[in-house]
Amino acid sequence: MAITAFTATRLGPTTWRMDATSSETTPTYYWYVGGVLVETSSRPWKIVDLAAGESLWVEVFDDSSSTPVPGNAGRLIIDWGPVSGASVYRVYEYYDSAWTLRAEVPETGLGQYEYQTRYLENDTDIQWRVVAYGTNGILGTVRQFTAKCVRGPDAPEVTYTYSVVTGKVTVS
């Protein structure tokens, strides 16, 4: 089993179409974007919209036992447990020298809450706070932490051509 060809074509500023072919008669494709499985399909193409600042980093397999190179998709998922008496949780990011409110997550009686961050800058320490609020203001201790976002390097924008005459690949 082998992917015999793969192309990524830019359709717009943040939109890409990816096409693959396989040596299998009826392959199943496993599409990974940024190290995350985004689709399992018999369709040999996928269209992806990227967030501002994101780079296309794709791996596609036609073998379910193959796995992608570990990587960071450029976002964090912040999660926390409930606080007794809370009515809302506010998620703040320390951005541009100030604490900026990014989300308000209502208390709904769940055992766990989460928030997915915006697309983060590469190789940067980011500070976050989760603050539980009740009817009387802040409840408990403010949960604060720092995370460093490190992604795989951005893929270079290159094209490849193969000459059947010389048997050589030209990268440009």
C-alpha atoms as a PDB file:
ATOM      1  CA  MET A   1       0.000   0.000   0.000  1.00  0.00           C
ATOM      2  CA  ALA A   2       1.393   3.352  -0.937  1.00  0.00           C
ATOM      3  CA  ILE A   3       0.372   6.883  -1.672  1.00  0.00           C
ATOM      4  CA  THR A   4       1.660   7.283  -5.215  1.00  0.00           C
ATOM      5  CA  ALA A   5       1.079  11.030  -5.627  1.00  0.00           C
ATOM      6  CA  PHE A   6       0.092  13.979  -3.488  1.00  0.00           C
ATOM      7  CA  THR A   7      -0.540  17.589  -4.495  1.00  0.00           C
ATOM      8  CA  ALA A   8      -1.710  20.616  -2.537  1.00  0.00           C
ATOM      9  CA  THR A   9      -3.215  23.448  -4.555  1.00  0.00           C
ATOM     10  CA  ARG A  10      -3.955  26.880  -3.077  1.00  0.00           C
ATOM     11  CA  LEU A  11      -7.528  27.880  -3.899  1.00  0.00           C
ATOM     12  CA  GLY A  12      -7.536  31.151  -1.968  1.00  0.00           C
ATOM     13  CA  PRO A  13      -5.637  33.030   0.749  1.00  0.00           C
ATOM     14  CA  THR A  14      -6.441  30.380   3.395  1.00  0.00           C
ATOM     15  CA  THR A  15      -8.035  27.545   1.374  1.00  0.00           C
ATOM     16  CA  TRP A  16      -6.215  24.506  -0.033  1.00  0.00           C
ATOM     17  CA  ARG A  17      -7.298  21.469  -2.035  1.00  0.00           C
ATOM     18  CA  MET A  18      -5.300  18.318  -1.456  1.00  0.00           C
ATOM     19  CA  ASP A  19      -5.356  15.398  -3.907  1.00  0.00           C
ATOM     20  CA  ALA A  20      -3.829  11.945  -3.442  1.00  0.00           C
ATOM     21  CA  THR A  21      -3.611   8.715  -5.390  1.00  0.00           C
ATOM     22  CA  SER A  22      -2.896   5.246  -4.066  1.00  0.00           C
ATOM     23  CA  SER A  23      -1.637   1.926  -5.375  1.00  0.00           C
ATOM     24  CA  GLU A  24      -4.635   0.293  -3.636  1.00  0.00           C
ATOM     25  CA  THR A  25      -7.705  -0.609  -5.698  1.00  0.00           C
ATOM     26  CA  THR A  26     -10.193   0.851  -3.178  1.00  0.00           C
ATOM     27  CA  PRO A  27      -8.127   2.807  -0.655  1.00  0.00           C
ATOM     28  CA  THR A  28      -9.307   4.498   2.501  1.00  0.00           C
ATOM     29  CA  TYR A  29      -7.508   7.810   3.031  1.00  0.00           C
ATOM     30  CA  TYR A  30      -6.592   9.083   6.509  1.00  0.00           C
ATOM     31  CA  TRP A  31      -6.225  12.881   6.293  1.00  0.00           C
ATOM     32  CA  TYR A  32      -4.165  14.528   9.043  1.00  0.00           C
ATOM     33  CA  VAL A  33      -3.814  18.322   9.258  1.00  0.00           C
ATOM     34  CA  GLY A  34      -1.336  19.685  11.797  1.00  0.00           C
ATOM     35  CA  GLY A  35      -0.943  16.193  13.291  1.00  0.00           C
ATOM     36  CA  VAL A  36      -4.697  15.800  13.908  1.00  0.00           C
ATOM     37  CA  LEU A  37      -6.879  13.245  12.076  1.00  0.00           C
ATOM     38  CA  VAL A  38      -9.537  15.350  10.353  1.00  0.00           C
ATOM     39  CA  GLU A  39     -11.135  12.822   8.014  1.00  0.00           C
ATOM     40  CA  THR A  40     -11.230   9.144   7.053  1.00  0.00           C
ATOM     41  CA  SER A  41     -12.640   8.763   3.563  1.00  0.00           C
ATOM     42  CA  SER A  42     -12.521   6.845   0.300  1.00  0.00           C
ATOM     43  CA  ARG A  43     -12.542  10.219  -1.476  1.00  0.00           C
ATOM     44  CA  PRO A  44      -9.021  11.003  -2.804  1.00  0.00           C
ATOM     45  CA  TRP A  45      -9.257  14.758  -2.175  1.00  0.00           C
ATOM     46  CA  LYS A  46      -9.873  17.133   0.739  1.00  0.00           C
ATOM     47  CA  ILE A  47     -10.409  20.899   0.967  1.00  0.00           C
ATOM     48  CA  VAL A  48      -9.013  22.632   4.060  1.00  0.00           C
ATOM     49  CA  ASP A  49      -9.580  26.168   5.349  1.00  0.00           C
ATOM     50  CA  LEU A  50      -6.766  27.392   7.585  1.00  0.00           C
ATOM     51  CA  ALA A  51      -6.943  29.999  10.325  1.00  0.00           C
ATOM     52  CA  ALA A  52      -5.064  33.271   9.820  1.00  0.00           C
ATOM     53  CA  GLY A  53      -1.351  32.619  10.304  1.00  0.00           C
ATOM     54  CA  GLU A  54      -1.672  28.821   9.990  1.00  0.00           C
ATOM     55  CA  SER A  55       0.478  26.875   7.550  1.00  0.00           C
ATOM     56  CA  LEU A  56      -0.549  23.800   5.601  1.00  0.00           C
ATOM     57  CA  TRP A  57       1.047  20.720   7.165  1.00  0.00           C
ATOM     58  CA  VAL A  58      -0.628  17.590   5.866  1.00  0.00           C
ATOM     59  CA  GLU A  59       0.003  13.890   6.018  1.00  0.00           C
ATOM     60  CA  VAL A  60      -2.229  11.409   4.238  1.00  0.00           C
ATOM     61  CA  PHE A  61      -2.090   7.623   4.504  1.00  0.00           C
ATOM     62  CA  ASP A  62      -3.913   4.756   2.836  1.00  0.00           C
ATOM     63  CA  ASP A  63      -2.912   2.375   5.636  1.00  0.00           C
ATOM     64  CA  SER A  64      -4.686   2.606   8.994  1.00  0.00           C
ATOM     65  CA  SER A  65      -1.573   1.380  10.835  1.00  0.00           C
ATOM     66  CA  SER A  66       0.466   4.394   9.692  1.00  0.00           C
ATOM     67  CA  THR A  67       0.540   7.352  12.046  1.00  0.00           C
ATOM     68  CA  PRO A  68       1.469  11.004  11.539  1.00  0.00           C
ATOM     69  CA  VAL A  69       4.584  12.696  12.760  1.00  0.00           C
ATOM     70  CA  PRO A  70       3.806  14.085  16.236  1.00  0.00           C
ATOM     71  CA  GLY A  71       3.127  17.773  16.066  1.00  0.00           C
ATOM     72  CA  ASN A  72       1.307  20.662  17.599  1.00  0.00           C
ATOM     73  CA  ALA A  73      -1.657  22.037  15.732  1.00  0.00           C
ATOM     74  CA  GLY A  74      -0.999  25.580  17.002  1.00  0.00           C
ATOM     75  CA  ARG A  75      -3.900  25.760  19.448  1.00  0.00           C
ATOM     76  CA  LEU A  76      -4.286  24.773  23.073  1.00  0.00           C
ATOM     77  CA  ILE A  77      -7.239  23.218  24.797  1.00  0.00           C
ATOM     78  CA  ILE A  78      -7.544  24.625  28.296  1.00  0.00           C
ATOM     79  CA  ASP A  79      -9.635  22.525  30.643  1.00  0.00           C
ATOM     80  CA  TRP A  80     -10.686  22.805  34.275  1.00  0.00           C
ATOM     81  CA  GLY A  81     -13.033  21.303  36.820  1.00  0.00           C
ATOM     82  CA  PRO A  82     -16.116  22.977  38.284  1.00  0.00           C
ATOM     83  CA  VAL A  83     -16.041  25.430  41.201  1.00  0.00           C
ATOM     84  CA  SER A  84     -18.888  25.251  43.702  1.00  0.00           C
ATOM     85  CA  GLY A  85     -21.152  28.304  43.421  1.00  0.00           C
ATOM     86  CA  ALA A  86     -19.751  29.467  40.064  1.00  0.00           C
ATOM     87  CA  SER A  87     -22.137  30.762  37.425  1.00  0.00           C
ATOM     88  CA  VAL A  88     -19.561  31.506  34.719  1.00  0.00           C
ATOM     89  CA  TYR A  89     -15.858  30.914  34.001  1.00  0.00           C
ATOM     90  CA  ARG A  90     -13.900  33.634  32.239  1.00  0.00           C
ATOM     91  CA  VAL A  91     -10.837  32.721  30.220  1.00  0.00           C
ATOM     92  CA  TYR A  92      -8.209  35.462  29.878  1.00  0.00           C
ATOM     93  CA  GLU A  93      -5.030  35.635  27.813  1.00  0.00           C
ATOM     94  CA  TYR A  94      -2.158  37.972  28.638  1.00  0.00           C
ATOM     95  CA  TYR A  95      -1.863  39.638  25.252  1.00  0.00           C
ATOM     96  CA  ASP A  96      -0.188  42.890  24.252  1.00  0.00           C
ATOM     97  CA  SER A  97       0.706  43.726  27.900  1.00  0.00           C
ATOM     98  CA  ALA A  98      -2.863  43.326  29.230  1.00  0.00           C
ATOM     99  CA  TRP A  99      -5.248  40.567  30.362  1.00  0.00           C
ATOM    100  CA  THR A 100      -7.751  40.136  27.534  1.00  0.00           C
ATOM    101  CA  LEU A 101     -11.037  38.285  27.967  1.00  0.00           C
ATOM    102  CA  ARG A 102     -11.187  35.501  25.374  1.00  0.00           C
ATOM    103  CA  ALA A 103     -14.267  33.544  26.460  1.00  0.00           C
ATOM    104  CA  GLU A 104     -17.061  33.233  28.981  1.00  0.00           C
ATOM    105  CA  VAL A 105     -18.032  29.622  29.629  1.00  0.00           C
ATOM    106  CA  PRO A 106     -21.306  29.214  31.579  1.00  0.00           C
ATOM    107  CA  GLU A 107     -21.490  26.808  34.530  1.00  0.00           C
ATOM    108  CA  THR A 108     -23.874  24.047  33.453  1.00  0.00           C
ATOM    109  CA  GLY A 109     -23.212  21.313  36.005  1.00  0.00           C
ATOM    110  CA  LEU A 110     -20.628  19.414  33.952  1.00  0.00           C
ATOM    111  CA  GLY A 111     -17.673  17.672  35.582  1.00  0.00           C
ATOM    112  CA  GLN A 112     -15.168  19.290  33.213  1.00  0.00           C
ATOM    113  CA  TYR A 113     -15.034  22.434  31.042  1.00  0.00           C
ATOM    114  CA  GLU A 114     -12.783  23.382  28.162  1.00  0.00           C
ATOM    115  CA  TYR A 115     -11.867  26.210  25.831  1.00  0.00           C
ATOM    116  CA  GLN A 116      -9.893  25.992  22.573  1.00  0.00           C
ATOM    117  CA  THR A 117      -7.542  28.937  22.075  1.00  0.00           C
ATOM    118  CA  ARG A 118      -7.019  31.053  19.007  1.00  0.00           C
ATOM    119  CA  TYR A 119      -4.187  30.039  16.652  1.00  0.00           C
ATOM    120  CA  LEU A 120      -1.045  30.842  18.658  1.00  0.00           C
ATOM    121  CA  GLU A 121       2.270  32.344  17.619  1.00  0.00           C
ATOM    122  CA  ASN A 122       5.072  29.822  17.186  1.00  0.00           C
ATOM    123  CA  ASP A 123       7.869  29.607  19.787  1.00  0.00           C
ATOM    124  CA  THR A 124       6.128  32.007  22.173  1.00  0.00           C
ATOM    125  CA  ASP A 125       5.249  31.764  25.863  1.00  0.00           C
ATOM    126  CA  ILE A 126       1.535  32.504  26.340  1.00  0.00           C
ATOM    127  CA  GLN A 127      -0.083  33.223  29.734  1.00  0.00           C
ATOM    128  CA  TRP A 128      -3.682  32.248  30.548  1.00  0.00           C
ATOM    129  CA  ARG A 129      -6.092  32.631  33.446  1.00  0.00           C
ATOM    130  CA  VAL A 130      -9.360  30.886  34.208  1.00  0.00           C
ATOM    131  CA  VAL A 131     -11.467  32.775  36.752  1.00  0.00           C
ATOM    132  CA  ALA A 132     -14.664  31.397  38.297  1.00  0.00           C
ATOM    133  CA  TYR A 133     -17.349  34.030  38.947  1.00  0.00           C
ATOM    134  CA  GLY A 134     -20.475  33.662  41.076  1.00  0.00           C
ATOM    135  CA  THR A 135     -23.189  36.073  42.114  1.00  0.00           C
ATOM    136  CA  ASN A 136     -20.820  37.611  44.701  1.00  0.00           C
ATOM    137  CA  GLY A 137     -17.811  38.041  42.385  1.00  0.00           C
ATOM    138  CA  ILE A 138     -14.664  35.881  42.086  1.00  0.00           C
ATOM    139  CA  LEU A 139     -14.837  32.450  43.678  1.00  0.00           C
ATOM    140  CA  GLY A 140     -11.733  30.574  44.814  1.00  0.00           C
ATOM    141  CA  THR A 141      -8.234  30.904  43.444  1.00  0.00           C
ATOM    142  CA  VAL A 142      -7.552  32.308  39.990  1.00  0.00           C
ATOM    143  CA  ARG A 143      -5.988  29.516  37.922  1.00  0.00           C
ATOM    144  CA  GLN A 144      -3.057  30.893  35.972  1.00  0.00           C
ATOM    145  CA  PHE A 145      -0.508  29.135  33.781  1.00  0.00           C
ATOM    146  CA  THR A 146       1.965  29.625  30.964  1.00  0.00           C
ATOM    147  CA  ALA A 147       2.295  27.464  27.852  1.00  0.00           C
ATOM    148  CA  LYS A 148       4.867  27.539  25.091  1.00  0.00           C
ATOM    149  CA  CYS A 149       3.506  26.894  21.624  1.00  0.00           C
ATOM    150  CA  VAL A 150       5.963  25.034  19.371  1.00  0.00           C
ATOM    151  CA  ARG A 151       4.772  23.784  16.004  1.00  0.00           C
ATOM    152  CA  GLY A 152       6.535  21.979  13.217  1.00  0.00           C
ATOM    153  CA  PRO A 153       8.401  24.303  10.893  1.00  0.00           C
ATOM    154  CA  ASP A 154       6.370  25.958   8.174  1.00  0.00           C
ATOM    155  CA  ALA A 155       6.574  24.004   4.945  1.00  0.00           C
ATOM    156  CA  PRO A 156       8.445  25.783   2.165  1.00  0.00           C
ATOM    157  CA  GLU A 157       6.434  26.799  -0.881  1.00  0.00           C
ATOM    158  CA  VAL A 158       8.034  24.706  -3.607  1.00  0.00           C
ATOM    159  CA  THR A 159       7.033  22.778  -6.702  1.00  0.00           C
ATOM    160  CA  TYR A 160       8.379  19.449  -7.889  1.00  0.00           C
ATOM    161  CA  THR A 161       8.723  18.170 -11.434  1.00  0.00           C
ATOM    162  CA  TYR A 162       9.859  14.722 -12.496  1.00  0.00           C
ATOM    163  CA  SER A 163      11.555  13.992 -15.802  1.00  0.00           C
ATOM    164  CA  VAL A 164      10.906  10.498 -17.155  1.00  0.00           C
ATOM    165  CA  VAL A 165      13.783  11.056 -19.580  1.00  0.00           C
ATOM    166  CA  THR A 166      16.475  11.816 -16.962  1.00  0.00           C
ATOM    167  CA  GLY A 167      14.786  10.148 -13.972  1.00  0.00           C
ATOM    168  CA  LYS A 168      15.409  13.277 -11.893  1.00  0.00           C
ATOM    169  CA  VAL A 169      13.194  15.388  -9.690  1.00  0.00           C
ATOM    170  CA  THR A 170      13.581  19.182  -9.923  1.00  0.00           C
ATOM    171  CA  VAL A 171      12.625  21.291  -6.922  1.00  0.00           C
ATOM    172  CA  SER A 172      11.876  24.959  -7.579  1.00  0.00           C
END
